[in-house]
Amino acid sequence: MLQTHAHTEIRSTLTRVQRQPITAHTMDNFEERSGVVPCKTPWGSWAQTIDEVVIEVDVPNGTQSREIKCDIRPNSILLVVNRETLLKGKLFGTVVADECVWTLEDKKLLRVLLVKSKRSAANCWRSLLEGQYESNPLVFDEMEKKLTLERFQREHPGFDFSGAEMTGNYSGGGPDL
């Protein structure tokens, strides 16, 4: 009975979203239109989509790429900037190390893109590293909502979910429709 109720709430949410022409562009900029939910940290922030985890690190202005060491493994990361270790430990989930990249933007922002190996709305990382940089319960709740909306956008590309509100059963990627 509870599952039926959750389906009803989500279906009513689906009726409030706008119908748009189906294009590749609809999904390509879903994050831009709907935003991401960042988890703030002492060194910057991290956020996630179904496919990726993005780490943004504020580095001293004028930082050169040669001053950065970023070692990404399927289960761990080591990030050193100017000989200072900023991140070191086991990742919350596994990544495809060969597809992960980092960039230094304007010599002041380091962006690390981790490609998740398990790509589903149910794979919402609670923290960046095991036991470190955990999102608070409200932020995690919002992250799960965004990943569920992203899943619905992929499953129904003719709709625009970027401004939709999620209610009901959305934890663990939401119900099967």
C-alpha atoms as a PDB file:
ATOM      1  CA  MET A   1       0.000   0.000   0.000  1.00  0.00           C
ATOM      2  CA  LEU A   2       2.821   2.417   0.848  1.00  0.00           C
ATOM      3  CA  GLN A   3       4.469   1.762  -2.513  1.00  0.00           C
ATOM      4  CA  THR A   4       1.237   2.613  -4.355  1.00  0.00           C
ATOM      5  CA  HIS A   5       1.036   5.895  -2.447  1.00  0.00           C
ATOM      6  CA  ALA A   6       4.624   6.758  -3.456  1.00  0.00           C
ATOM      7  CA  HIS A   7       3.787   6.043  -7.095  1.00  0.00           C
ATOM      8  CA  THR A   8       0.812   8.402  -6.859  1.00  0.00           C
ATOM      9  CA  GLU A   9       2.914  11.247  -5.452  1.00  0.00           C
ATOM     10  CA  ILE A  10       5.583  10.840  -8.113  1.00  0.00           C
ATOM     11  CA  ARG A  11       3.025  10.586 -10.896  1.00  0.00           C
ATOM     12  CA  SER A  12       1.432  13.824  -9.692  1.00  0.00           C
ATOM     13  CA  THR A  13       4.878  15.398  -9.760  1.00  0.00           C
ATOM     14  CA  LEU A  14       5.339  14.171 -13.326  1.00  0.00           C
ATOM     15  CA  THR A  15       2.173  15.925 -14.410  1.00  0.00           C
ATOM     16  CA  ARG A  16       3.561  19.267 -13.205  1.00  0.00           C
ATOM     17  CA  VAL A  17       6.693  19.156 -15.380  1.00  0.00           C
ATOM     18  CA  GLN A  18       6.762  20.733 -18.797  1.00  0.00           C
ATOM     19  CA  ARG A  19       6.612  18.674 -21.965  1.00  0.00           C
ATOM     20  CA  GLN A  20       9.478  19.626 -24.284  1.00  0.00           C
ATOM     21  CA  PRO A  21      10.584  18.358 -27.693  1.00  0.00           C
ATOM     22  CA  ILE A  22      12.896  15.367 -27.410  1.00  0.00           C
ATOM     23  CA  THR A  23      16.452  16.441 -28.153  1.00  0.00           C
ATOM     24  CA  ALA A  24      19.929  15.407 -27.107  1.00  0.00           C
ATOM     25  CA  HIS A  25      20.226  18.909 -25.663  1.00  0.00           C
ATOM     26  CA  THR A  26      17.441  18.182 -23.136  1.00  0.00           C
ATOM     27  CA  MET A  27      19.633  15.760 -21.172  1.00  0.00           C
ATOM     28  CA  ASP A  28      22.993  17.324 -21.977  1.00  0.00           C
ATOM     29  CA  ASN A  29      22.391  20.367 -19.815  1.00  0.00           C
ATOM     30  CA  PHE A  30      20.093  18.904 -17.145  1.00  0.00           C
ATOM     31  CA  GLU A  31      22.650  19.758 -14.441  1.00  0.00           C
ATOM     32  CA  GLU A  32      22.993  23.321 -15.735  1.00  0.00           C
ATOM     33  CA  ARG A  33      19.235  23.893 -15.652  1.00  0.00           C
ATOM     34  CA  SER A  34      18.438  22.063 -12.422  1.00  0.00           C
ATOM     35  CA  GLY A  35      21.659  22.719 -10.511  1.00  0.00           C
ATOM     36  CA  VAL A  36      23.661  20.338  -8.394  1.00  0.00           C
ATOM     37  CA  VAL A  37      23.653  19.986  -4.624  1.00  0.00           C
ATOM     38  CA  PRO A  38      27.142  20.789  -3.317  1.00  0.00           C
ATOM     39  CA  CYS A  39      28.544  19.431  -0.083  1.00  0.00           C
ATOM     40  CA  LYS A  40      30.799  22.116   1.404  1.00  0.00           C
ATOM     41  CA  THR A  41      34.192  21.153   2.811  1.00  0.00           C
ATOM     42  CA  PRO A  42      37.126  23.069   4.366  1.00  0.00           C
ATOM     43  CA  TRP A  43      38.975  22.976   1.005  1.00  0.00           C
ATOM     44  CA  GLY A  44      35.992  23.594  -1.348  1.00  0.00           C
ATOM     45  CA  SER A  45      33.066  21.311  -2.203  1.00  0.00           C
ATOM     46  CA  TRP A  46      31.971  18.121  -3.908  1.00  0.00           C
ATOM     47  CA  ALA A  47      28.772  17.256  -5.758  1.00  0.00           C
ATOM     48  CA  GLN A  48      27.434  14.351  -7.780  1.00  0.00           C
ATOM     49  CA  THR A  49      25.275  13.281 -10.667  1.00  0.00           C
ATOM     50  CA  ILE A  50      24.263   9.762 -11.626  1.00  0.00           C
ATOM     51  CA  ASP A  51      27.515   9.373 -13.609  1.00  0.00           C
ATOM     52  CA  GLU A  52      30.051  11.538 -11.824  1.00  0.00           C
ATOM     53  CA  VAL A  53      31.381  13.041  -8.637  1.00  0.00           C
ATOM     54  CA  VAL A  54      32.878  16.506  -9.074  1.00  0.00           C
ATOM     55  CA  ILE A  55      35.377  17.845  -6.554  1.00  0.00           C
ATOM     56  CA  GLU A  56      36.163  21.569  -6.551  1.00  0.00           C
ATOM     57  CA  VAL A  57      39.186  22.709  -4.579  1.00  0.00           C
ATOM     58  CA  ASP A  58      40.045  26.356  -3.990  1.00  0.00           C
ATOM     59  CA  VAL A  59      43.829  26.534  -4.483  1.00  0.00           C
ATOM     60  CA  PRO A  60      46.098  29.551  -3.914  1.00  0.00           C
ATOM     61  CA  ASN A  61      45.891  32.066  -6.749  1.00  0.00           C
ATOM     62  CA  GLY A  62      48.710  31.469  -9.227  1.00  0.00           C
ATOM     63  CA  THR A  63      48.961  27.706  -8.610  1.00  0.00           C
ATOM     64  CA  GLN A  64      50.738  25.895 -11.460  1.00  0.00           C
ATOM     65  CA  SER A  65      49.716  22.436 -12.700  1.00  0.00           C
ATOM     66  CA  ARG A  66      53.182  21.093 -11.839  1.00  0.00           C
ATOM     67  CA  GLU A  67      52.392  21.845  -8.171  1.00  0.00           C
ATOM     68  CA  ILE A  68      49.484  19.368  -8.230  1.00  0.00           C
ATOM     69  CA  LYS A  69      49.660  15.623  -7.746  1.00  0.00           C
ATOM     70  CA  CYS A  70      46.402  13.761  -8.255  1.00  0.00           C
ATOM     71  CA  ASP A  71      46.467   9.964  -8.076  1.00  0.00           C
ATOM     72  CA  ILE A  72      43.078   8.369  -8.685  1.00  0.00           C
ATOM     73  CA  ARG A  73      42.574   4.630  -8.244  1.00  0.00           C
ATOM     74  CA  PRO A  74      39.305   2.683  -8.514  1.00  0.00           C
ATOM     75  CA  ASN A  75      38.803   2.849  -4.727  1.00  0.00           C
ATOM     76  CA  SER A  76      41.031   5.693  -3.538  1.00  0.00           C
ATOM     77  CA  ILE A  77      42.342   9.182  -4.208  1.00  0.00           C
ATOM     78  CA  LEU A  78      45.436  11.150  -3.261  1.00  0.00           C
ATOM     79  CA  LEU A  79      45.402  14.884  -3.948  1.00  0.00           C
ATOM     80  CA  VAL A  80      48.426  17.013  -3.088  1.00  0.00           C
ATOM     81  CA  VAL A  81      48.696  20.742  -3.847  1.00  0.00           C
ATOM     82  CA  ASN A  82      51.933  22.621  -3.140  1.00  0.00           C
ATOM     83  CA  ARG A  83      53.198  19.624  -1.127  1.00  0.00           C
ATOM     84  CA  GLU A  84      50.124  19.768   1.128  1.00  0.00           C
ATOM     85  CA  THR A  85      47.936  16.657   1.164  1.00  0.00           C
ATOM     86  CA  LEU A  86      44.322  17.782   0.783  1.00  0.00           C
ATOM     87  CA  LEU A  87      42.631  14.434   0.106  1.00  0.00           C
ATOM     88  CA  LYS A  88      43.859  10.964   0.910  1.00  0.00           C
ATOM     89  CA  GLY A  89      41.749   7.930   1.481  1.00  0.00           C
ATOM     90  CA  LYS A  90      39.259   5.376   0.322  1.00  0.00           C
ATOM     91  CA  LEU A  91      36.480   6.716  -1.896  1.00  0.00           C
ATOM     92  CA  PHE A  92      32.882   6.144  -0.801  1.00  0.00           C
ATOM     93  CA  GLY A  93      32.242   4.248  -4.051  1.00  0.00           C
ATOM     94  CA  THR A  94      34.296   2.884  -6.910  1.00  0.00           C
ATOM     95  CA  VAL A  95      35.296   4.883  -9.971  1.00  0.00           C
ATOM     96  CA  VAL A  96      36.624   4.162 -13.453  1.00  0.00           C
ATOM     97  CA  ALA A  97      40.120   5.523 -12.814  1.00  0.00           C
ATOM     98  CA  ASP A  98      41.113   5.688 -16.503  1.00  0.00           C
ATOM     99  CA  GLU A  99      38.163   8.016 -17.242  1.00  0.00           C
ATOM    100  CA  CYS A 100      38.764  10.404 -14.313  1.00  0.00           C
ATOM    101  CA  VAL A 101      40.428  13.762 -15.005  1.00  0.00           C
ATOM    102  CA  TRP A 102      41.448  16.933 -13.227  1.00  0.00           C
ATOM    103  CA  THR A 103      41.770  20.488 -14.496  1.00  0.00           C
ATOM    104  CA  LEU A 104      43.233  23.681 -13.106  1.00  0.00           C
ATOM    105  CA  GLU A 105      41.058  26.653 -13.985  1.00  0.00           C
ATOM    106  CA  ASP A 106      42.345  30.237 -13.890  1.00  0.00           C
ATOM    107  CA  LYS A 107      45.221  29.050 -11.662  1.00  0.00           C
ATOM    108  CA  LYS A 108      42.888  29.162  -8.646  1.00  0.00           C
ATOM    109  CA  LEU A 109      40.283  26.376  -8.964  1.00  0.00           C
ATOM    110  CA  LEU A 110      41.146  22.696  -9.171  1.00  0.00           C
ATOM    111  CA  ARG A 111      38.309  20.540 -10.484  1.00  0.00           C
ATOM    112  CA  VAL A 112      38.518  16.736 -10.229  1.00  0.00           C
ATOM    113  CA  LEU A 113      35.998  14.677 -12.177  1.00  0.00           C
ATOM    114  CA  LEU A 114      35.469  11.134 -10.887  1.00  0.00           C
ATOM    115  CA  VAL A 115      33.474   8.797 -13.140  1.00  0.00           C
ATOM    116  CA  LYS A 116      31.367   6.419 -11.061  1.00  0.00           C
ATOM    117  CA  SER A 117      31.641   2.738 -11.972  1.00  0.00           C
ATOM    118  CA  LYS A 118      28.066   2.074 -10.800  1.00  0.00           C
ATOM    119  CA  ARG A 119      25.891   4.619 -12.588  1.00  0.00           C
ATOM    120  CA  SER A 120      22.392   4.681 -11.162  1.00  0.00           C
ATOM    121  CA  ALA A 121      20.256   7.007  -9.063  1.00  0.00           C
ATOM    122  CA  ALA A 122      20.452   4.419  -6.278  1.00  0.00           C
ATOM    123  CA  ASN A 123      24.236   4.996  -6.083  1.00  0.00           C
ATOM    124  CA  CYS A 124      24.136   8.279  -4.177  1.00  0.00           C
ATOM    125  CA  TRP A 125      27.394   8.780  -2.288  1.00  0.00           C
ATOM    126  CA  ARG A 126      26.807   9.748   1.339  1.00  0.00           C
ATOM    127  CA  SER A 127      30.384  11.017   1.682  1.00  0.00           C
ATOM    128  CA  LEU A 128      33.354  11.651  -0.588  1.00  0.00           C
ATOM    129  CA  LEU A 129      35.744   9.445   1.339  1.00  0.00           C
ATOM    130  CA  GLU A 130      34.803   6.715   3.776  1.00  0.00           C
ATOM    131  CA  GLY A 131      34.406   8.481   7.115  1.00  0.00           C
ATOM    132  CA  GLN A 132      35.351  11.922   5.716  1.00  0.00           C
ATOM    133  CA  TYR A 133      33.496  14.802   4.081  1.00  0.00           C
ATOM    134  CA  GLU A 134      30.078  13.326   4.778  1.00  0.00           C
ATOM    135  CA  SER A 135      27.064  15.313   3.644  1.00  0.00           C
ATOM    136  CA  ASN A 136      24.685  16.307   6.401  1.00  0.00           C
ATOM    137  CA  PRO A 137      21.260  14.597   6.305  1.00  0.00           C
ATOM    138  CA  LEU A 138      19.515  17.559   4.618  1.00  0.00           C
ATOM    139  CA  VAL A 139      22.161  17.835   1.889  1.00  0.00           C
ATOM    140  CA  PHE A 140      22.091  14.064   1.329  1.00  0.00           C
ATOM    141  CA  ASP A 141      18.289  14.186   1.060  1.00  0.00           C
ATOM    142  CA  GLU A 142      18.580  16.882  -1.634  1.00  0.00           C
ATOM    143  CA  MET A 143      21.279  14.876  -3.442  1.00  0.00           C
ATOM    144  CA  GLU A 144      18.989  11.839  -3.579  1.00  0.00           C
ATOM    145  CA  LYS A 145      16.149  13.984  -4.938  1.00  0.00           C
ATOM    146  CA  LYS A 146      18.393  15.389  -7.702  1.00  0.00           C
ATOM    147  CA  LEU A 147      19.656  11.958  -8.719  1.00  0.00           C
ATOM    148  CA  THR A 148      16.096  10.614  -8.844  1.00  0.00           C
ATOM    149  CA  LEU A 149      15.001  13.567 -11.005  1.00  0.00           C
ATOM    150  CA  GLU A 150      18.012  12.981 -13.261  1.00  0.00           C
ATOM    151  CA  ARG A 151      16.951   9.330 -13.573  1.00  0.00           C
ATOM    152  CA  PHE A 152      13.413  10.373 -14.527  1.00  0.00           C
ATOM    153  CA  GLN A 153      14.847  12.825 -17.103  1.00  0.00           C
ATOM    154  CA  ARG A 154      16.810   9.991 -18.707  1.00  0.00           C
ATOM    155  CA  GLU A 155      13.836   7.648 -18.704  1.00  0.00           C
ATOM    156  CA  HIS A 156      11.474  10.323 -20.083  1.00  0.00           C
ATOM    157  CA  PRO A 157      13.583  12.604 -22.311  1.00  0.00           C
ATOM    158  CA  GLY A 158      10.528  14.407 -23.677  1.00  0.00           C
ATOM    159  CA  PHE A 159       9.879  16.045 -20.307  1.00  0.00           C
ATOM    160  CA  ASP A 160      11.835  18.808 -18.598  1.00  0.00           C
ATOM    161  CA  PHE A 161      12.410  17.885 -14.954  1.00  0.00           C
ATOM    162  CA  SER A 162      14.838  20.734 -14.237  1.00  0.00           C
ATOM    163  CA  GLY A 163      12.290  22.721 -12.205  1.00  0.00           C
ATOM    164  CA  ALA A 164      10.369  19.776 -10.755  1.00  0.00           C
ATOM    165  CA  GLU A 165       9.913  19.175  -7.032  1.00  0.00           C
ATOM    166  CA  MET A 166      10.291  15.632  -5.706  1.00  0.00           C
ATOM    167  CA  THR A 167       8.032  14.252  -2.972  1.00  0.00           C
ATOM    168  CA  GLY A 168       7.285  10.723  -1.850  1.00  0.00           C
ATOM    169  CA  ASN A 169       9.637   7.773  -2.184  1.00  0.00           C
ATOM    170  CA  TYR A 170      12.853   8.988  -3.771  1.00  0.00           C
ATOM    171  CA  SER A 171      15.513   7.421  -1.532  1.00  0.00           C
ATOM    172  CA  GLY A 172      17.594   4.746  -3.202  1.00  0.00           C
ATOM    173  CA  GLY A 173      16.800   6.150  -6.669  1.00  0.00           C
ATOM    174  CA  GLY A 174      13.023   6.234  -6.283  1.00  0.00           C
ATOM    175  CA  PRO A 175      10.427   3.625  -7.197  1.00  0.00           C
ATOM    176  CA  ASP A 176      10.260   1.707 -10.440  1.00  0.00           C
ATOM    177  CA  LEU A 177       7.588   3.253 -12.622  1.00  0.00           C
END
